[in-house]
Amino acid sequence: MTRAEGESFEWECLVPRLVHPLKVMIIEACHWIDRPLAASELCLVLDDAYSLPVINYHVRVLAKLRVLRKVGTSTVRGGIATYYVLSPRRLSR
């Protein structure tokens, strides 16, 4: 099946279906705050709209895609907080 004459592909409709809104919020928060952040801090920044496990999952995915870069860890109440910043090379493309 081919496209009809004059019909164009609507990218604006596709992008929101491919990019998770929470990932966008995490990237924006990291950009605006501009310091290393842990998932627990992002939970506070995002007004507890999402649970910590959900935010942590999306942070790990963004790190795996090299959008975020791990810059350190610290012990917090018996657990380990991992801190991330935006990966500069991903912002330049």
PDB file of N, CA and C in Angstrom:
ATOM      1  N   MET A   1       0.848  -1.169   0.000  1.00  0.00           N
ATOM      2  CA  MET A   1       0.000   0.000   0.000  1.00  0.00           C
ATOM      3  C   MET A   1       0.900   1.241   0.000  1.00  0.00           C
ATOM      4  N   THR A   2       0.615   2.178  -0.837  1.00  0.00           N
ATOM      5  CA  THR A   2       1.399   3.403  -0.917  1.00  0.00           C
ATOM      6  C   THR A   2       0.584   4.570  -0.409  1.00  0.00           C
ATOM      7  N   ARG A   3       1.292   5.672  -0.121  1.00  0.00           N
ATOM      8  CA  ARG A   3       0.599   6.871   0.337  1.00  0.00           C
ATOM      9  C   ARG A   3      -0.189   7.498  -0.792  1.00  0.00           C
ATOM     10  N   ALA A   4      -1.297   8.074  -0.448  1.00  0.00           N
ATOM     11  CA  ALA A   4      -2.111   8.785  -1.433  1.00  0.00           C
ATOM     12  C   ALA A   4      -1.402  10.072  -1.832  1.00  0.00           C
ATOM     13  N   GLU A   5      -1.668  10.542  -3.013  1.00  0.00           N
ATOM     14  CA  GLU A   5      -1.092  11.783  -3.527  1.00  0.00           C
ATOM     15  C   GLU A   5      -1.342  12.938  -2.557  1.00  0.00           C
ATOM     16  N   GLY A   6      -0.273  13.655  -2.180  1.00  0.00           N
ATOM     17  CA  GLY A   6      -0.414  14.814  -1.307  1.00  0.00           C
ATOM     18  C   GLY A   6      -0.500  14.478   0.173  1.00  0.00           C
ATOM     19  N   GLU A   7      -0.528  13.199   0.526  1.00  0.00           N
ATOM     20  CA  GLU A   7      -0.607  12.792   1.928  1.00  0.00           C
ATOM     21  C   GLU A   7       0.805  12.740   2.506  1.00  0.00           C
ATOM     22  N   SER A   8       1.009  13.339   3.662  1.00  0.00           N
ATOM     23  CA  SER A   8       2.339  13.343   4.266  1.00  0.00           C
ATOM     24  C   SER A   8       2.317  12.595   5.597  1.00  0.00           C
ATOM     25  N   PHE A   9       3.495  12.175   5.988  1.00  0.00           N
ATOM     26  CA  PHE A   9       3.634  11.473   7.262  1.00  0.00           C
ATOM     27  C   PHE A   9       3.616  12.493   8.386  1.00  0.00           C
ATOM     28  N   GLU A  10       2.846  12.241   9.422  1.00  0.00           N
ATOM     29  CA  GLU A  10       2.702  13.196  10.520  1.00  0.00           C
ATOM     30  C   GLU A  10       3.603  12.800  11.690  1.00  0.00           C
ATOM     31  N   TRP A  11       4.832  13.349  11.687  1.00  0.00           N
ATOM     32  CA  TRP A  11       5.789  13.066  12.743  1.00  0.00           C
ATOM     33  C   TRP A  11       5.286  13.523  14.097  1.00  0.00           C
ATOM     34  N   GLU A  12       4.568  14.632  14.128  1.00  0.00           N
ATOM     35  CA  GLU A  12       4.077  15.176  15.388  1.00  0.00           C
ATOM     36  C   GLU A  12       3.195  14.181  16.135  1.00  0.00           C
ATOM     37  N   CYS A  13       2.524  13.322  15.400  1.00  0.00           N
ATOM     38  CA  CYS A  13       1.654  12.319  16.024  1.00  0.00           C
ATOM     39  C   CYS A  13       2.452  11.103  16.503  1.00  0.00           C
ATOM     40  N   LEU A  14       3.572  10.827  15.848  1.00  0.00           N
ATOM     41  CA  LEU A  14       4.356   9.641  16.169  1.00  0.00           C
ATOM     42  C   LEU A  14       5.239   9.830  17.410  1.00  0.00           C
ATOM     43  N   VAL A  15       5.902  10.958  17.510  1.00  0.00           N
ATOM     44  CA  VAL A  15       6.877  11.177  18.580  1.00  0.00           C
ATOM     45  C   VAL A  15       6.272  10.981  19.968  1.00  0.00           C
ATOM     46  N   PRO A  16       5.104  11.563  20.293  1.00  0.00           N
ATOM     47  CA  PRO A  16       4.559  11.346  21.639  1.00  0.00           C
ATOM     48  C   PRO A  16       4.249   9.879  21.942  1.00  0.00           C
ATOM     49  N   ARG A  17       4.047   9.090  20.921  1.00  0.00           N
ATOM     50  CA  ARG A  17       3.762   7.671  21.152  1.00  0.00           C
ATOM     51  C   ARG A  17       5.041   6.876  21.398  1.00  0.00           C
ATOM     52  N   LEU A  18       6.183   7.397  20.950  1.00  0.00           N
ATOM     53  CA  LEU A  18       7.451   6.701  21.105  1.00  0.00           C
ATOM     54  C   LEU A  18       8.233   7.156  22.328  1.00  0.00           C
ATOM     55  N   VAL A  19       8.059   8.395  22.725  1.00  0.00           N
ATOM     56  CA  VAL A  19       8.824   8.959  23.835  1.00  0.00           C
ATOM     57  C   VAL A  19       7.931   9.026  25.072  1.00  0.00           C
ATOM     58  N   HIS A  20       8.366   8.360  26.130  1.00  0.00           N
ATOM     59  CA  HIS A  20       7.566   8.343  27.354  1.00  0.00           C
ATOM     60  C   HIS A  20       7.632   9.712  28.029  1.00  0.00           C
ATOM     61  N   PRO A  21       6.497  10.269  28.433  1.00  0.00           N
ATOM     62  CA  PRO A  21       6.488  11.600  29.046  1.00  0.00           C
ATOM     63  C   PRO A  21       7.356  11.707  30.300  1.00  0.00           C
ATOM     64  N   LEU A  22       7.473  10.640  31.071  1.00  0.00           N
ATOM     65  CA  LEU A  22       8.306  10.691  32.269  1.00  0.00           C
ATOM     66  C   LEU A  22       9.776  10.835  31.899  1.00  0.00           C
ATOM     67  N   LYS A  23      10.208  10.176  30.842  1.00  0.00           N
ATOM     68  CA  LYS A  23      11.597  10.324  30.405  1.00  0.00           C
ATOM     69  C   LYS A  23      11.876  11.771  30.016  1.00  0.00           C
ATOM     70  N   VAL A  24      10.935  12.399  29.347  1.00  0.00           N
ATOM     71  CA  VAL A  24      11.086  13.803  28.968  1.00  0.00           C
ATOM     72  C   VAL A  24      11.173  14.668  30.224  1.00  0.00           C
ATOM     73  N   MET A  25      10.328  14.412  31.215  1.00  0.00           N
ATOM     74  CA  MET A  25      10.356  15.186  32.458  1.00  0.00           C
ATOM     75  C   MET A  25      11.685  15.003  33.201  1.00  0.00           C
ATOM     76  N   ILE A  26      12.223  13.789  33.192  1.00  0.00           N
ATOM     77  CA  ILE A  26      13.503  13.523  33.845  1.00  0.00           C
ATOM     78  C   ILE A  26      14.617  14.299  33.149  1.00  0.00           C
ATOM     79  N   ILE A  27      14.631  14.257  31.840  1.00  0.00           N
ATOM     80  CA  ILE A  27      15.651  14.982  31.077  1.00  0.00           C
ATOM     81  C   ILE A  27      15.530  16.482  31.330  1.00  0.00           C
ATOM     82  N   GLU A  28      14.319  16.993  31.315  1.00  0.00           N
ATOM     83  CA  GLU A  28      14.122  18.424  31.565  1.00  0.00           C
ATOM     84  C   GLU A  28      14.566  18.815  32.974  1.00  0.00           C
ATOM     85  N   ALA A  29      14.245  17.990  33.960  1.00  0.00           N
ATOM     86  CA  ALA A  29      14.646  18.282  35.339  1.00  0.00           C
ATOM     87  C   ALA A  29      16.170  18.292  35.463  1.00  0.00           C
ATOM     88  N   CYS A  30      16.827  17.320  34.853  1.00  0.00           N
ATOM     89  CA  CYS A  30      18.293  17.271  34.898  1.00  0.00           C
ATOM     90  C   CYS A  30      18.903  18.487  34.205  1.00  0.00           C
ATOM     91  N   HIS A  31      18.283  18.909  33.129  1.00  0.00           N
ATOM     92  CA  HIS A  31      18.777  20.079  32.395  1.00  0.00           C
ATOM     93  C   HIS A  31      18.609  21.356  33.211  1.00  0.00           C
ATOM     94  N   TRP A  32      17.440  21.556  33.791  1.00  0.00           N
ATOM     95  CA  TRP A  32      17.165  22.809  34.507  1.00  0.00           C
ATOM     96  C   TRP A  32      17.865  22.881  35.857  1.00  0.00           C
ATOM     97  N   ILE A  33      17.940  21.762  36.567  1.00  0.00           N
ATOM     98  CA  ILE A  33      18.569  21.773  37.887  1.00  0.00           C
ATOM     99  C   ILE A  33      20.094  21.795  37.752  1.00  0.00           C
ATOM    100  N   ASP A  34      20.609  21.150  36.728  1.00  0.00           N
ATOM    101  CA  ASP A  34      22.025  21.224  36.351  1.00  0.00           C
ATOM    102  C   ASP A  34      22.981  20.845  37.481  1.00  0.00           C
ATOM    103  N   ARG A  35      22.675  19.750  38.147  1.00  0.00           N
ATOM    104  CA  ARG A  35      23.581  19.155  39.129  1.00  0.00           C
ATOM    105  C   ARG A  35      23.221  17.673  39.216  1.00  0.00           C
ATOM    106  N   PRO A  36      24.108  16.847  39.731  1.00  0.00           N
ATOM    107  CA  PRO A  36      23.793  15.420  39.832  1.00  0.00           C
ATOM    108  C   PRO A  36      22.524  15.186  40.658  1.00  0.00           C
ATOM    109  N   LEU A  37      21.665  14.312  40.158  1.00  0.00           N
ATOM    110  CA  LEU A  37      20.405  13.988  40.832  1.00  0.00           C
ATOM    111  C   LEU A  37      20.239  12.483  40.966  1.00  0.00           C
ATOM    112  N   ALA A  38      19.664  12.077  42.076  1.00  0.00           N
ATOM    113  CA  ALA A  38      19.290  10.678  42.294  1.00  0.00           C
ATOM    114  C   ALA A  38      17.801  10.532  41.982  1.00  0.00           C
ATOM    115  N   ALA A  39      17.373   9.311  41.759  1.00  0.00           N
ATOM    116  CA  ALA A  39      15.956   9.054  41.461  1.00  0.00           C
ATOM    117  C   ALA A  39      15.060   9.565  42.590  1.00  0.00           C
ATOM    118  N   SER A  40      15.518   9.447  43.837  1.00  0.00           N
ATOM    119  CA  SER A  40      14.703   9.919  44.968  1.00  0.00           C
ATOM    120  C   SER A  40      14.516  11.438  44.917  1.00  0.00           C
ATOM    121  N   GLU A  41      15.531  12.170  44.462  1.00  0.00           N
ATOM    122  CA  GLU A  41      15.397  13.621  44.320  1.00  0.00           C
ATOM    123  C   GLU A  41      14.457  13.969  43.166  1.00  0.00           C
ATOM    124  N   LEU A  42      14.545  13.212  42.092  1.00  0.00           N
ATOM    125  CA  LEU A  42      13.634  13.434  40.962  1.00  0.00           C
ATOM    126  C   LEU A  42      12.193  13.195  41.391  1.00  0.00           C
ATOM    127  N   CYS A  43      11.995  12.239  42.289  1.00  0.00           N
ATOM    128  CA  CYS A  43      10.648  11.962  42.806  1.00  0.00           C
ATOM    129  C   CYS A  43      10.091  13.205  43.493  1.00  0.00           C
ATOM    130  N   LEU A  44      10.924  13.907  44.252  1.00  0.00           N
ATOM    131  CA  LEU A  44      10.492  15.137  44.927  1.00  0.00           C
ATOM    132  C   LEU A  44      10.266  16.269  43.922  1.00  0.00           C
ATOM    133  N   VAL A  45      11.152  16.375  42.947  1.00  0.00           N
ATOM    134  CA  VAL A  45      11.040  17.421  41.923  1.00  0.00           C
ATOM    135  C   VAL A  45       9.755  17.255  41.121  1.00  0.00           C
ATOM    136  N   LEU A  46       9.392  16.021  40.863  1.00  0.00           N
ATOM    137  CA  LEU A  46       8.190  15.743  40.067  1.00  0.00           C
ATOM    138  C   LEU A  46       6.940  15.664  40.934  1.00  0.00           C
ATOM    139  N   ASP A  47       7.004  16.205  42.147  1.00  0.00           N
ATOM    140  CA  ASP A  47       5.856  16.294  43.062  1.00  0.00           C
ATOM    141  C   ASP A  47       5.191  14.961  43.347  1.00  0.00           C
ATOM    142  N   ASP A  48       5.988  13.914  43.447  1.00  0.00           N
ATOM    143  CA  ASP A  48       5.458  12.578  43.744  1.00  0.00           C
ATOM    144  C   ASP A  48       4.371  12.139  42.769  1.00  0.00           C
ATOM    145  N   ALA A  49       4.418  12.667  41.547  1.00  0.00           N
ATOM    146  CA  ALA A  49       3.440  12.262  40.532  1.00  0.00           C
ATOM    147  C   ALA A  49       3.668  10.813  40.105  1.00  0.00           C
ATOM    148  N   TYR A  50       4.917  10.354  40.238  1.00  0.00           N
ATOM    149  CA  TYR A  50       5.273   8.983  39.899  1.00  0.00           C
ATOM    150  C   TYR A  50       5.965   8.367  41.103  1.00  0.00           C
ATOM    151  N   SER A  51       5.862   7.062  41.244  1.00  0.00           N
ATOM    152  CA  SER A  51       6.503   6.387  42.378  1.00  0.00           C
ATOM    153  C   SER A  51       8.010   6.266  42.125  1.00  0.00           C
ATOM    154  N   LEU A  52       8.752   6.110  43.198  1.00  0.00           N
ATOM    155  CA  LEU A  52      10.205   5.984  43.101  1.00  0.00           C
ATOM    156  C   LEU A  52      10.625   4.811  42.211  1.00  0.00           C
ATOM    157  N   PRO A  53      10.020   3.623  42.327  1.00  0.00           N
ATOM    158  CA  PRO A  53      10.434   2.531  41.430  1.00  0.00           C
ATOM    159  C   PRO A  53      10.222   2.853  39.947  1.00  0.00           C
ATOM    160  N   VAL A  54       9.164   3.569  39.629  1.00  0.00           N
ATOM    161  CA  VAL A  54       8.893   3.925  38.226  1.00  0.00           C
ATOM    162  C   VAL A  54       9.941   4.925  37.733  1.00  0.00           C
ATOM    163  N   ILE A  55      10.233   5.929  38.542  1.00  0.00           N
ATOM    164  CA  ILE A  55      11.253   6.918  38.162  1.00  0.00           C
ATOM    165  C   ILE A  55      12.613   6.232  38.047  1.00  0.00           C
ATOM    166  N   ASN A  56      12.937   5.378  38.996  1.00  0.00           N
ATOM    167  CA  ASN A  56      14.205   4.658  38.970  1.00  0.00           C
ATOM    168  C   ASN A  56      14.344   3.828  37.702  1.00  0.00           C
ATOM    169  N   TYR A  57      13.279   3.164  37.282  1.00  0.00           N
ATOM    170  CA  TYR A  57      13.297   2.364  36.047  1.00  0.00           C
ATOM    171  C   TYR A  57      13.643   3.255  34.849  1.00  0.00           C
ATOM    172  N   HIS A  58      12.958   4.387  34.723  1.00  0.00           N
ATOM    173  CA  HIS A  58      13.183   5.263  33.571  1.00  0.00           C
ATOM    174  C   HIS A  58      14.573   5.900  33.608  1.00  0.00           C
ATOM    175  N   VAL A  59      15.078   6.201  34.796  1.00  0.00           N
ATOM    176  CA  VAL A  59      16.438   6.729  34.924  1.00  0.00           C
ATOM    177  C   VAL A  59      17.442   5.678  34.444  1.00  0.00           C
ATOM    178  N   ARG A  60      17.246   4.427  34.843  1.00  0.00           N
ATOM    179  CA  ARG A  60      18.156   3.354  34.412  1.00  0.00           C
ATOM    180  C   ARG A  60      18.109   3.156  32.901  1.00  0.00           C
ATOM    181  N   VAL A  61      16.918   3.243  32.319  1.00  0.00           N
ATOM    182  CA  VAL A  61      16.801   3.117  30.862  1.00  0.00           C
ATOM    183  C   VAL A  61      17.540   4.264  30.170  1.00  0.00           C
ATOM    184  N   LEU A  62      17.359   5.487  30.665  1.00  0.00           N
ATOM    185  CA  LEU A  62      18.052   6.641  30.079  1.00  0.00           C
ATOM    186  C   LEU A  62      19.572   6.497  30.237  1.00  0.00           C
ATOM    187  N   ALA A  63      20.026   5.923  31.342  1.00  0.00           N
ATOM    188  CA  ALA A  63      21.460   5.690  31.535  1.00  0.00           C
ATOM    189  C   ALA A  63      21.965   4.623  30.558  1.00  0.00           C
ATOM    190  N   LYS A  64      21.174   3.592  30.356  1.00  0.00           N
ATOM    191  CA  LYS A  64      21.551   2.537  29.419  1.00  0.00           C
ATOM    192  C   LYS A  64      21.650   3.086  27.993  1.00  0.00           C
ATOM    193  N   LEU A  65      20.787   4.024  27.658  1.00  0.00           N
ATOM    194  CA  LEU A  65      20.816   4.665  26.334  1.00  0.00           C
ATOM    195  C   LEU A  65      21.880   5.757  26.248  1.00  0.00           C
ATOM    196  N   ARG A  66      22.582   5.996  27.363  1.00  0.00           N
ATOM    197  CA  ARG A  66      23.631   7.004  27.491  1.00  0.00           C
ATOM    198  C   ARG A  66      23.122   8.437  27.357  1.00  0.00           C
ATOM    199  N   VAL A  67      21.865   8.629  27.703  1.00  0.00           N
ATOM    200  CA  VAL A  67      21.314   9.988  27.790  1.00  0.00           C
ATOM    201  C   VAL A  67      21.717  10.581  29.132  1.00  0.00           C
ATOM    202  N   LEU A  68      21.733   9.733  30.161  1.00  0.00           N
ATOM    203  CA  LEU A  68      22.213  10.128  31.483  1.00  0.00           C
ATOM    204  C   LEU A  68      23.525   9.401  31.754  1.00  0.00           C
ATOM    205  N   ARG A  69      24.363  10.018  32.574  1.00  0.00           N
ATOM    206  CA  ARG A  69      25.658   9.437  32.933  1.00  0.00           C
ATOM    207  C   ARG A  69      25.747   9.352  34.449  1.00  0.00           C
ATOM    208  N   LYS A  70      26.125   8.181  34.948  1.00  0.00           N
ATOM    209  CA  LYS A  70      26.295   7.979  36.390  1.00  0.00           C
ATOM    210  C   LYS A  70      27.557   8.713  36.836  1.00  0.00           C
ATOM    211  N   VAL A  71      27.405   9.526  37.895  1.00  0.00           N
ATOM    212  CA  VAL A  71      28.552  10.303  38.377  1.00  0.00           C
ATOM    213  C   VAL A  71      28.916  10.011  39.828  1.00  0.00           C
ATOM    214  N   GLY A  72      28.164   9.179  40.510  1.00  0.00           N
ATOM    215  CA  GLY A  72      28.511   8.865  41.889  1.00  0.00           C
ATOM    216  C   GLY A  72      27.404   8.152  42.627  1.00  0.00           C
ATOM    217  N   THR A  73      27.748   7.715  43.834  1.00  0.00           N
ATOM    218  CA  THR A  73      26.783   7.050  44.713  1.00  0.00           C
ATOM    219  C   THR A  73      27.017   7.543  46.138  1.00  0.00           C
ATOM    220  N   SER A  74      26.002   7.365  46.962  1.00  0.00           N
ATOM    221  CA  SER A  74      26.143   7.644  48.391  1.00  0.00           C
ATOM    222  C   SER A  74      25.184   6.741  49.154  1.00  0.00           C
ATOM    223  N   THR A  75      25.503   6.491  50.412  1.00  0.00           N
ATOM    224  CA  THR A  75      24.641   5.679  51.264  1.00  0.00           C
ATOM    225  C   THR A  75      23.581   6.579  51.879  1.00  0.00           C
ATOM    226  N   VAL A  76      22.334   6.183  51.706  1.00  0.00           N
ATOM    227  CA  VAL A  76      21.208   6.959  52.235  1.00  0.00           C
ATOM    228  C   VAL A  76      20.274   5.997  52.955  1.00  0.00           C
ATOM    229  N   ARG A  77      20.131   6.170  54.272  1.00  0.00           N
ATOM    230  CA  ARG A  77      19.234   5.345  55.093  1.00  0.00           C
ATOM    231  C   ARG A  77      19.352   3.849  54.786  1.00  0.00           C
ATOM    232  N   GLY A  78      20.585   3.359  54.713  1.00  0.00           N
ATOM    233  CA  GLY A  78      20.808   1.934  54.499  1.00  0.00           C
ATOM    234  C   GLY A  78      20.752   1.502  53.048  1.00  0.00           C
ATOM    235  N   GLY A  79      20.412   2.398  52.157  1.00  0.00           N
ATOM    236  CA  GLY A  79      20.393   2.088  50.726  1.00  0.00           C
ATOM    237  C   GLY A  79      21.471   2.875  50.004  1.00  0.00           C
ATOM    238  N   ILE A  80      21.545   2.658  48.715  1.00  0.00           N
ATOM    239  CA  ILE A  80      22.542   3.372  47.921  1.00  0.00           C
ATOM    240  C   ILE A  80      21.819   4.260  46.916  1.00  0.00           C
ATOM    241  N   ALA A  81      22.127   5.547  46.941  1.00  0.00           N
ATOM    242  CA  ALA A  81      21.585   6.499  45.971  1.00  0.00           C
ATOM    243  C   ALA A  81      22.618   6.669  44.863  1.00  0.00           C
ATOM    244  N   THR A  82      22.173   6.530  43.627  1.00  0.00           N
ATOM    245  CA  THR A  82      23.044   6.707  42.471  1.00  0.00           C
ATOM    246  C   THR A  82      22.697   8.041  41.829  1.00  0.00           C
ATOM    247  N   TYR A  83      23.710   8.839  41.552  1.00  0.00           N
ATOM    248  CA  TYR A  83      23.513  10.184  41.007  1.00  0.00           C
ATOM    249  C   TYR A  83      23.862  10.221  39.527  1.00  0.00           C
ATOM    250  N   TYR A  84      23.047  10.953  38.779  1.00  0.00           N
ATOM    251  CA  TYR A  84      23.194  11.038  37.328  1.00  0.00           C
ATOM    252  C   TYR A  84      23.183  12.491  36.875  1.00  0.00           C
ATOM    253  N   VAL A  85      23.837  12.732  35.746  1.00  0.00           N
ATOM    254  CA  VAL A  85      23.762  14.015  35.043  1.00  0.00           C
ATOM    255  C   VAL A  85      23.473  13.711  33.579  1.00  0.00           C
ATOM    256  N   LEU A  86      23.053  14.726  32.843  1.00  0.00           N
ATOM    257  CA  LEU A  86      22.854  14.563  31.409  1.00  0.00           C
ATOM    258  C   LEU A  86      24.201  14.297  30.742  1.00  0.00           C
ATOM    259  N   SER A  87      24.185  13.429  29.780  1.00  0.00           N
ATOM    260  CA  SER A  87      25.398  13.151  29.027  1.00  0.00           C
ATOM    261  C   SER A  87      25.559  14.229  27.961  1.00  0.00           C
ATOM    262  N   PRO A  88      26.626  15.038  28.034  1.00  0.00           N
ATOM    263  CA  PRO A  88      26.763  16.175  27.118  1.00  0.00           C
ATOM    264  C   PRO A  88      26.800  15.788  25.651  1.00  0.00           C
ATOM    265  N   ARG A  89      27.405  14.672  25.316  1.00  0.00           N
ATOM    266  CA  ARG A  89      27.488  14.319  23.899  1.00  0.00           C
ATOM    267  C   ARG A  89      26.129  13.979  23.302  1.00  0.00           C
ATOM    268  N   ARG A  90      25.198  13.522  24.108  1.00  0.00           N
ATOM    269  CA  ARG A  90      23.861  13.225  23.599  1.00  0.00           C
ATOM    270  C   ARG A  90      23.070  14.500  23.337  1.00  0.00           C
ATOM    271  N   LEU A  91      23.403  15.569  24.037  1.00  0.00           N
ATOM    272  CA  LEU A  91      22.698  16.827  23.844  1.00  0.00           C
ATOM    273  C   LEU A  91      23.150  17.536  22.588  1.00  0.00           C
ATOM    274  N   SER A  92      24.363  17.220  22.104  1.00  0.00           N
ATOM    275  CA  SER A  92      24.904  17.948  20.971  1.00  0.00           C
ATOM    276  C   SER A  92      24.440  17.409  19.625  1.00  0.00           C
ATOM    277  N   ARG A  93      23.818  16.286  19.596  1.00  0.00           N
ATOM    278  CA  ARG A  93      23.403  15.697  18.313  1.00  0.00           C
ATOM    279  C   ARG A  93      22.020  16.109  17.939  1.00  0.00           C
TER     280      ARG A  93
END
